C-alpha atoms as a PDB file:
ATOM      1  CA  MET A   1      18.236  -7.572 -10.337  1.00  0.00           C
ATOM      2  CA  TYR A   2      18.766  -7.920  -6.587  1.00  0.00           C
ATOM      3  CA  VAL A   3      17.048  -5.611  -4.217  1.00  0.00           C
ATOM      4  CA  SER A   4      17.987  -5.385  -0.588  1.00  0.00           C
ATOM      5  CA  LYS A   5      15.058  -6.630   1.765  1.00  0.00           C
ATOM      6  CA  THR A   6      15.693  -3.494   3.756  1.00  0.00           C
ATOM      7  CA  LEU A   7      14.139  -1.619   0.866  1.00  0.00           C
ATOM      8  CA  VAL A   8      11.003  -3.527   0.819  1.00  0.00           C
ATOM      9  CA  ILE A   9       8.335  -2.516   3.198  1.00  0.00           C
ATOM     10  CA  GLY A  10       5.734  -4.923   2.334  1.00  0.00           C
ATOM     11  CA  ARG A  11       3.110  -5.857  -0.294  1.00  0.00           C
ATOM     12  CA  CYS A  12       0.092  -4.313  -1.541  1.00  0.00           C
ATOM     13  CA  TRP A  13      -3.004  -6.030   0.295  1.00  0.00           C
ATOM     14  CA  ARG A  14      -4.992  -6.055  -2.898  1.00  0.00           C
ATOM     15  CA  CYS A  15      -2.695  -7.214  -5.582  1.00  0.00           C
ATOM     16  CA  GLY A  16       0.397  -8.584  -3.808  1.00  0.00           C
ATOM     17  CA  ARG A  17       3.009  -6.018  -5.433  1.00  0.00           C
ATOM     18  CA  LYS A  18       6.128  -5.266  -3.508  1.00  0.00           C
ATOM     19  CA  ILE A  19       6.355  -1.950  -2.012  1.00  0.00           C
ATOM     20  CA  PHE A  20       9.648  -0.335  -1.669  1.00  0.00           C
ATOM     21  CA  LYS A  21      10.637   2.231   0.696  1.00  0.00           C
ATOM     22  CA  TYR A  22      10.852   5.146  -1.691  1.00  0.00           C
ATOM     23  CA  ASP A  23       7.717   4.262  -3.600  1.00  0.00           C
ATOM     24  CA  ASP A  24       4.456   5.888  -3.449  1.00  0.00           C
ATOM     25  CA  TYR A  25       1.892   3.978  -1.329  1.00  0.00           C
ATOM     26  CA  TYR A  26      -1.063   4.288   0.534  1.00  0.00           C
ATOM     27  CA  VAL A  27      -1.732   3.124   4.128  1.00  0.00           C
ATOM     28  CA  CYS A  28      -4.909   2.705   6.020  1.00  0.00           C
ATOM     29  CA  PRO A  29      -4.455   4.565   9.418  1.00  0.00           C
ATOM     30  CA  LYS A  30      -6.887   2.128  11.264  1.00  0.00           C
ATOM     31  CA  CYS A  31      -5.879  -1.401  10.172  1.00  0.00           C
ATOM     32  CA  HIS A  32      -2.206  -0.427   8.813  1.00  0.00           C
ATOM     33  CA  ALA A  33      -2.816  -2.205   5.275  1.00  0.00           C
ATOM     34  CA  ILE A  34      -0.503  -1.179   2.592  1.00  0.00           C
ATOM     35  CA  TYR A  35      -1.799  -0.561  -0.902  1.00  0.00           C
ATOM     36  CA  CYS A  36       0.029   0.540  -4.037  1.00  0.00           C
ATOM     37  CA  PRO A  37      -1.229   3.390  -6.079  1.00  0.00           C
ATOM     38  CA  THR A  38      -2.971   1.510  -8.783  1.00  0.00           C
ATOM     39  CA  CYS A  39      -5.112  -0.426  -6.096  1.00  0.00           C
ATOM     40  CA  ALA A  40      -5.740   2.513  -4.057  1.00  0.00           C
ATOM     41  CA  LYS A  41      -7.229   4.308  -7.073  1.00  0.00           C
ATOM     42  CA  LYS A  42      -9.375   1.251  -7.763  1.00  0.00           C
ATOM     43  CA  VAL A  43     -10.915   1.189  -4.254  1.00  0.00           C
ATOM     44  CA  PHE A  44     -11.299   5.011  -4.418  1.00  0.00           C
ATOM     45  CA  TYR A  45      -8.888   5.894  -1.847  1.00  0.00           C
ATOM     46  CA  LYS A  46     -10.742   4.030   1.158  1.00  0.00           C
ATOM     47  CA  CYS A  47      -9.897   0.918   2.786  1.00  0.00           C
ATOM     48  CA  PRO A  48     -11.949  -2.129   1.724  1.00  0.00           C
ATOM     49  CA  ALA A  49     -12.101  -3.650   4.877  1.00  0.00           C
ATOM     50  CA  ASP A  50     -13.334  -0.660   7.018  1.00  0.00           C
ATOM     51  CA  GLY A  51     -13.984   2.249   4.626  1.00  0.00           C
ATOM     52  CA  THR A  52     -11.467   4.466   6.167  1.00  0.00           C
ATOM     53  CA  PRO A  53      -9.884   6.950   3.810  1.00  0.00           C
ATOM     54  CA  LEU A  54      -6.332   5.926   2.816  1.00  0.00           C
ATOM     55  CA  GLU A  55      -3.411   8.187   3.765  1.00  0.00           C
ATOM     56  CA  ALA A  56      -0.483   8.808   1.042  1.00  0.00           C
ATOM     57  CA  LYS A  57       2.963   8.002   2.121  1.00  0.00           C
END
């Protein structure tokens, strides 16, 4: 299945999964790292790089 590149926001910084525009994802407000819900849960909703709480998008 082809997915338009405009729908892909980026990849999860932890696992590399593609994050699409309408998916649930988490962002670190300080370093702007994107995390999928699974990885966000595994890191306890805090950015592994700087410890900032992740924001749901």
